[in-house]
Amino acid sequence: MGGTQATVATSTVAVLGGLGLGLDGLWRDQPSQSIAGIAVIMVALTAIILAVLHHWITDTSSERAALAAATCATQVEKDRYVTLQAAIENEHQRLMQDVAAERAALDARLLVERAAMEEQLEMAVTEASNEAMRILHSWMRGGKLSPPTPQQATVLRFPAQDQPEPVRARERGGVGP
């Protein structure tokens, strides 16, 4: 039995005893015994009221139940959060793998397209070169374009080279050439 229940049980016995004492005092016409019985009843009822109030104030069973429910809800929310966080991380990893795979596929495709474009360019350059050579050959055969004829070099003579050299004047005592 708990403390509050023992107090209430003892006080109930005291109330019954006080009631008996008070009634016995009334029956025998002894006012002091009746007053004592009433006092015992009042003290016992006060003890019962105080025990009930104490139990009512200190009873935390509803708060404990609410705390247990809130703790359970918090744990469920925490588990849900951890699960969602793990799902987000998994999705992020999957997206990163998809991006890496897509990047590798694009790199491979780019290399193939680049090789094809280089081949097309090489073929176009070769074709243009061949066409230019055909046109040049047809022009040379048709006489539209002839190779340059070698020309004899012409020597230009300066007038001073054809005349004899003038005689210099000599001075007295001078040395001439």
C-alpha atoms as a PDB file:
ATOM      1  CA  MET A   1       0.000   0.000   0.000  1.00  0.00           C
ATOM      2  CA  GLY A   2       1.296   3.484  -0.892  1.00  0.00           C
ATOM      3  CA  GLY A   3       1.754   6.329   1.605  1.00  0.00           C
ATOM      4  CA  THR A   4      -1.297   8.220   0.450  1.00  0.00           C
ATOM      5  CA  GLN A   5      -3.530   5.158   0.601  1.00  0.00           C
ATOM      6  CA  ALA A   6      -2.304   4.292   4.109  1.00  0.00           C
ATOM      7  CA  THR A   7      -2.985   7.862   5.256  1.00  0.00           C
ATOM      8  CA  VAL A   8      -6.503   7.795   3.809  1.00  0.00           C
ATOM      9  CA  ALA A   9      -7.218   4.382   5.377  1.00  0.00           C
ATOM     10  CA  THR A  10      -5.946   5.478   8.801  1.00  0.00           C
ATOM     11  CA  SER A  11      -7.866   8.726   8.569  1.00  0.00           C
ATOM     12  CA  THR A  12     -11.042   6.848   7.626  1.00  0.00           C
ATOM     13  CA  VAL A  13     -10.637   4.661  10.702  1.00  0.00           C
ATOM     14  CA  ALA A  14     -10.066   7.844  12.754  1.00  0.00           C
ATOM     15  CA  VAL A  15     -13.253   9.396  11.311  1.00  0.00           C
ATOM     16  CA  LEU A  16     -15.233   6.308  12.236  1.00  0.00           C
ATOM     17  CA  GLY A  17     -13.666   6.319  15.716  1.00  0.00           C
ATOM     18  CA  GLY A  18     -14.381  10.022  16.135  1.00  0.00           C
ATOM     19  CA  LEU A  19     -17.955   9.486  14.981  1.00  0.00           C
ATOM     20  CA  GLY A  20     -18.352   6.718  17.514  1.00  0.00           C
ATOM     21  CA  LEU A  21     -16.787   8.871  20.241  1.00  0.00           C
ATOM     22  CA  GLY A  22     -19.051  11.816  19.398  1.00  0.00           C
ATOM     23  CA  LEU A  23     -22.202   9.717  19.295  1.00  0.00           C
ATOM     24  CA  ASP A  24     -21.262   8.034  22.558  1.00  0.00           C
ATOM     25  CA  GLY A  25     -20.778  11.470  24.131  1.00  0.00           C
ATOM     26  CA  LEU A  26     -24.176  12.554  22.892  1.00  0.00           C
ATOM     27  CA  TRP A  27     -25.771   9.375  24.169  1.00  0.00           C
ATOM     28  CA  ARG A  28     -24.258   9.747  27.620  1.00  0.00           C
ATOM     29  CA  ASP A  29     -24.743  13.484  27.659  1.00  0.00           C
ATOM     30  CA  GLN A  30     -21.057  14.289  27.950  1.00  0.00           C
ATOM     31  CA  PRO A  31     -20.318  17.356  25.850  1.00  0.00           C
ATOM     32  CA  SER A  32     -16.556  17.088  26.251  1.00  0.00           C
ATOM     33  CA  GLN A  33     -16.588  13.589  24.776  1.00  0.00           C
ATOM     34  CA  SER A  34     -18.750  14.801  21.883  1.00  0.00           C
ATOM     35  CA  ILE A  35     -16.429  17.730  21.223  1.00  0.00           C
ATOM     36  CA  ALA A  36     -13.426  15.372  21.320  1.00  0.00           C
ATOM     37  CA  GLY A  37     -15.162  13.088  18.808  1.00  0.00           C
ATOM     38  CA  ILE A  38     -15.903  16.060  16.526  1.00  0.00           C
ATOM     39  CA  ALA A  39     -12.254  17.208  16.815  1.00  0.00           C
ATOM     40  CA  VAL A  40     -11.009  13.724  15.897  1.00  0.00           C
ATOM     41  CA  ILE A  41     -13.389  13.700  12.917  1.00  0.00           C
ATOM     42  CA  MET A  42     -12.140  17.158  11.800  1.00  0.00           C
ATOM     43  CA  VAL A  43      -8.504  16.157  12.115  1.00  0.00           C
ATOM     44  CA  ALA A  44      -9.150  12.903  10.228  1.00  0.00           C
ATOM     45  CA  LEU A  45     -11.106  14.689   7.486  1.00  0.00           C
ATOM     46  CA  THR A  46      -8.310  17.304   7.235  1.00  0.00           C
ATOM     47  CA  ALA A  47      -5.772  14.475   6.896  1.00  0.00           C
ATOM     48  CA  ILE A  48      -7.902  12.836   4.185  1.00  0.00           C
ATOM     49  CA  ILE A  49      -8.279  16.154   2.314  1.00  0.00           C
ATOM     50  CA  LEU A  50      -4.561  16.842   2.561  1.00  0.00           C
ATOM     51  CA  ALA A  51      -3.754  13.303   1.348  1.00  0.00           C
ATOM     52  CA  VAL A  52      -6.129  13.690  -1.604  1.00  0.00           C
ATOM     53  CA  LEU A  53      -4.652  17.109  -2.440  1.00  0.00           C
ATOM     54  CA  HIS A  54      -1.123  15.723  -2.143  1.00  0.00           C
ATOM     55  CA  HIS A  55      -2.014  12.853  -4.448  1.00  0.00           C
ATOM     56  CA  TRP A  56      -3.734  15.224  -6.886  1.00  0.00           C
ATOM     57  CA  ILE A  57      -0.761  17.634  -6.918  1.00  0.00           C
ATOM     58  CA  THR A  58       1.978  15.012  -7.106  1.00  0.00           C
ATOM     59  CA  ASP A  59       0.190  12.584  -9.406  1.00  0.00           C
ATOM     60  CA  THR A  60       2.216  12.724 -12.625  1.00  0.00           C
ATOM     61  CA  SER A  61       0.766   9.706 -14.347  1.00  0.00           C
ATOM     62  CA  SER A  62      -1.048  11.789 -16.983  1.00  0.00           C
ATOM     63  CA  GLU A  63       2.072  13.922 -17.518  1.00  0.00           C
ATOM     64  CA  ARG A  64       4.156  10.781 -17.752  1.00  0.00           C
ATOM     65  CA  ALA A  65       1.746   9.361 -20.294  1.00  0.00           C
ATOM     66  CA  ALA A  66       1.902  12.624 -22.267  1.00  0.00           C
ATOM     67  CA  LEU A  67       5.698  12.605 -22.008  1.00  0.00           C
ATOM     68  CA  ALA A  68       5.822   9.002 -23.173  1.00  0.00           C
ATOM     69  CA  ALA A  69       3.552   9.837 -26.131  1.00  0.00           C
ATOM     70  CA  ALA A  70       5.648  12.906 -26.997  1.00  0.00           C
ATOM     71  CA  THR A  71       8.863  10.876 -26.683  1.00  0.00           C
ATOM     72  CA  CYS A  72       7.405   8.212 -28.943  1.00  0.00           C
ATOM     73  CA  ALA A  73       6.285  10.839 -31.468  1.00  0.00           C
ATOM     74  CA  THR A  74       9.713  12.483 -31.308  1.00  0.00           C
ATOM     75  CA  GLN A  75      11.418   9.144 -31.888  1.00  0.00           C
ATOM     76  CA  VAL A  76       9.125   8.444 -34.835  1.00  0.00           C
ATOM     77  CA  GLU A  77       9.885  11.904 -36.252  1.00  0.00           C
ATOM     78  CA  LYS A  78      13.604  11.384 -35.707  1.00  0.00           C
ATOM     79  CA  ASP A  79      13.468   7.990 -37.434  1.00  0.00           C
ATOM     80  CA  ARG A  80      11.520   9.564 -40.290  1.00  0.00           C
ATOM     81  CA  TYR A  81      14.064  12.382 -40.566  1.00  0.00           C
ATOM     82  CA  VAL A  82      16.996   9.933 -40.570  1.00  0.00           C
ATOM     83  CA  THR A  83      15.237   7.831 -43.196  1.00  0.00           C
ATOM     84  CA  LEU A  84      14.544  10.860 -45.381  1.00  0.00           C
ATOM     85  CA  GLN A  85      18.124  12.079 -44.939  1.00  0.00           C
ATOM     86  CA  ALA A  86      19.421   8.680 -46.023  1.00  0.00           C
ATOM     87  CA  ALA A  87      17.049   8.714 -48.989  1.00  0.00           C
ATOM     88  CA  ILE A  88      18.263  12.190 -49.983  1.00  0.00           C
ATOM     89  CA  GLU A  89      21.893  11.085 -49.736  1.00  0.00           C
ATOM     90  CA  ASN A  90      21.155   7.980 -51.816  1.00  0.00           C
ATOM     91  CA  GLU A  91      19.354  10.092 -54.406  1.00  0.00           C
ATOM     92  CA  HIS A  92      22.280  12.534 -54.483  1.00  0.00           C
ATOM     93  CA  GLN A  93      24.744   9.682 -54.999  1.00  0.00           C
ATOM     94  CA  ARG A  94      22.556   8.232 -57.739  1.00  0.00           C
ATOM     95  CA  LEU A  95      22.333  11.622 -59.449  1.00  0.00           C
ATOM     96  CA  MET A  96      26.100  12.078 -59.222  1.00  0.00           C
ATOM     97  CA  GLN A  97      26.610   8.621 -60.755  1.00  0.00           C
ATOM     98  CA  ASP A  98      24.106   9.469 -63.482  1.00  0.00           C
ATOM     99  CA  VAL A  99      25.895  12.755 -64.180  1.00  0.00           C
ATOM    100  CA  ALA A 100      29.263  10.987 -64.298  1.00  0.00           C
ATOM    101  CA  ALA A 101      27.886   8.325 -66.641  1.00  0.00           C
ATOM    102  CA  GLU A 102      26.250  10.986 -68.838  1.00  0.00           C
ATOM    103  CA  ARG A 103      29.497  12.977 -68.897  1.00  0.00           C
ATOM    104  CA  ALA A 104      31.460   9.869 -69.930  1.00  0.00           C
ATOM    105  CA  ALA A 105      28.894   9.099 -72.644  1.00  0.00           C
ATOM    106  CA  LEU A 106      29.045  12.692 -73.913  1.00  0.00           C
ATOM    107  CA  ASP A 107      32.851  12.604 -73.936  1.00  0.00           C
ATOM    108  CA  ALA A 108      32.817   9.378 -75.951  1.00  0.00           C
ATOM    109  CA  ARG A 109      30.195  10.791 -78.325  1.00  0.00           C
ATOM    110  CA  LEU A 110      32.209  13.998 -78.697  1.00  0.00           C
ATOM    111  CA  LEU A 111      35.334  12.040 -79.581  1.00  0.00           C
ATOM    112  CA  VAL A 112      33.438  10.061 -82.219  1.00  0.00           C
ATOM    113  CA  GLU A 113      31.850  13.199 -83.675  1.00  0.00           C
ATOM    114  CA  ARG A 114      35.180  15.010 -83.651  1.00  0.00           C
ATOM    115  CA  ALA A 115      36.876  12.139 -85.484  1.00  0.00           C
ATOM    116  CA  ALA A 116      34.042  12.104 -88.034  1.00  0.00           C
ATOM    117  CA  MET A 117      34.280  15.882 -88.516  1.00  0.00           C
ATOM    118  CA  GLU A 118      38.060  15.704 -88.919  1.00  0.00           C
ATOM    119  CA  GLU A 119      37.604  12.974 -91.509  1.00  0.00           C
ATOM    120  CA  GLN A 120      34.994  15.057 -93.343  1.00  0.00           C
ATOM    121  CA  LEU A 121      37.278  18.080 -93.253  1.00  0.00           C
ATOM    122  CA  GLU A 122      40.194  16.043 -94.552  1.00  0.00           C
ATOM    123  CA  MET A 123      38.025  14.653 -97.342  1.00  0.00           C
ATOM    124  CA  ALA A 124      36.742  18.160 -98.199  1.00  0.00           C
ATOM    125  CA  VAL A 125      40.303  19.552 -98.272  1.00  0.00           C
ATOM    126  CA  THR A 126      41.465  16.641-100.437  1.00  0.00           C
ATOM    127  CA  GLU A 127      38.506  17.070-102.779  1.00  0.00           C
ATOM    128  CA  ALA A 128      39.062  20.837-103.032  1.00  0.00           C
ATOM    129  CA  SER A 129      42.757  20.277-103.696  1.00  0.00           C
ATOM    130  CA  ASN A 130      41.984  17.683-106.383  1.00  0.00           C
ATOM    131  CA  GLU A 131      39.442  19.997-108.008  1.00  0.00           C
ATOM    132  CA  ALA A 132      41.930  22.875-107.972  1.00  0.00           C
ATOM    133  CA  MET A 133      44.559  20.673-109.598  1.00  0.00           C
ATOM    134  CA  ARG A 134      42.076  19.549-112.292  1.00  0.00           C
ATOM    135  CA  ILE A 135      41.133  23.148-113.031  1.00  0.00           C
ATOM    136  CA  LEU A 136      44.803  24.161-113.210  1.00  0.00           C
ATOM    137  CA  HIS A 137      45.544  21.231-115.542  1.00  0.00           C
ATOM    138  CA  SER A 138      42.602  22.086-117.796  1.00  0.00           C
ATOM    139  CA  TRP A 139      43.698  25.737-117.973  1.00  0.00           C
ATOM    140  CA  MET A 140      47.236  24.750-118.826  1.00  0.00           C
ATOM    141  CA  ARG A 141      46.012  22.404-121.584  1.00  0.00           C
ATOM    142  CA  GLY A 142      43.543  24.962-122.872  1.00  0.00           C
ATOM    143  CA  GLY A 143      46.187  27.655-123.012  1.00  0.00           C
ATOM    144  CA  LYS A 144      44.478  29.893-120.531  1.00  0.00           C
ATOM    145  CA  LEU A 145      47.449  29.625-118.333  1.00  0.00           C
ATOM    146  CA  SER A 146      50.891  29.000-119.698  1.00  0.00           C
ATOM    147  CA  PRO A 147      54.025  28.593-117.765  1.00  0.00           C
ATOM    148  CA  PRO A 148      56.214  31.633-117.818  1.00  0.00           C
ATOM    149  CA  THR A 149      58.755  31.718-120.683  1.00  0.00           C
ATOM    150  CA  PRO A 150      62.280  32.243-119.585  1.00  0.00           C
ATOM    151  CA  GLN A 151      63.558  35.630-120.731  1.00  0.00           C
ATOM    152  CA  GLN A 152      67.074  36.547-121.496  1.00  0.00           C
ATOM    153  CA  ALA A 153      68.487  38.956-119.060  1.00  0.00           C
ATOM    154  CA  THR A 154      69.156  42.390-120.474  1.00  0.00           C
ATOM    155  CA  VAL A 155      72.166  44.206-119.274  1.00  0.00           C
ATOM    156  CA  LEU A 156      71.705  47.872-118.963  1.00  0.00           C
ATOM    157  CA  ARG A 157      74.714  49.910-119.872  1.00  0.00           C
ATOM    158  CA  PHE A 158      75.331  53.139-118.213  1.00  0.00           C
ATOM    159  CA  PRO A 159      76.530  55.953-120.488  1.00  0.00           C
ATOM    160  CA  ALA A 160      79.744  56.414-118.573  1.00  0.00           C
ATOM    161  CA  GLN A 161      80.842  52.874-119.318  1.00  0.00           C
ATOM    162  CA  ASP A 162      80.942  53.407-123.113  1.00  0.00           C
ATOM    163  CA  GLN A 163      83.100  56.565-123.075  1.00  0.00           C
ATOM    164  CA  PRO A 164      86.771  56.673-122.348  1.00  0.00           C
ATOM    165  CA  GLU A 165      87.792  57.917-119.022  1.00  0.00           C
ATOM    166  CA  PRO A 166      88.484  61.690-118.942  1.00  0.00           C
ATOM    167  CA  VAL A 167      91.999  62.839-118.340  1.00  0.00           C
ATOM    168  CA  ARG A 168      92.637  64.580-115.165  1.00  0.00           C
ATOM    169  CA  ALA A 169      94.358  67.796-114.944  1.00  0.00           C
ATOM    170  CA  ARG A 170      97.776  67.637-113.454  1.00  0.00           C
ATOM    171  CA  GLU A 171      99.302  70.253-111.433  1.00  0.00           C
ATOM    172  CA  ARG A 172     102.853  71.069-111.152  1.00  0.00           C
ATOM    173  CA  GLY A 173     104.630  68.735-108.925  1.00  0.00           C
ATOM    174  CA  GLY A 174     101.561  66.655-108.550  1.00  0.00           C
ATOM    175  CA  VAL A 175     101.404  62.982-108.938  1.00  0.00           C
ATOM    176  CA  GLY A 176      98.922  61.584-111.320  1.00  0.00           C
ATOM    177  CA  PRO A 177      97.484  58.261-111.766  1.00  0.00           C
END
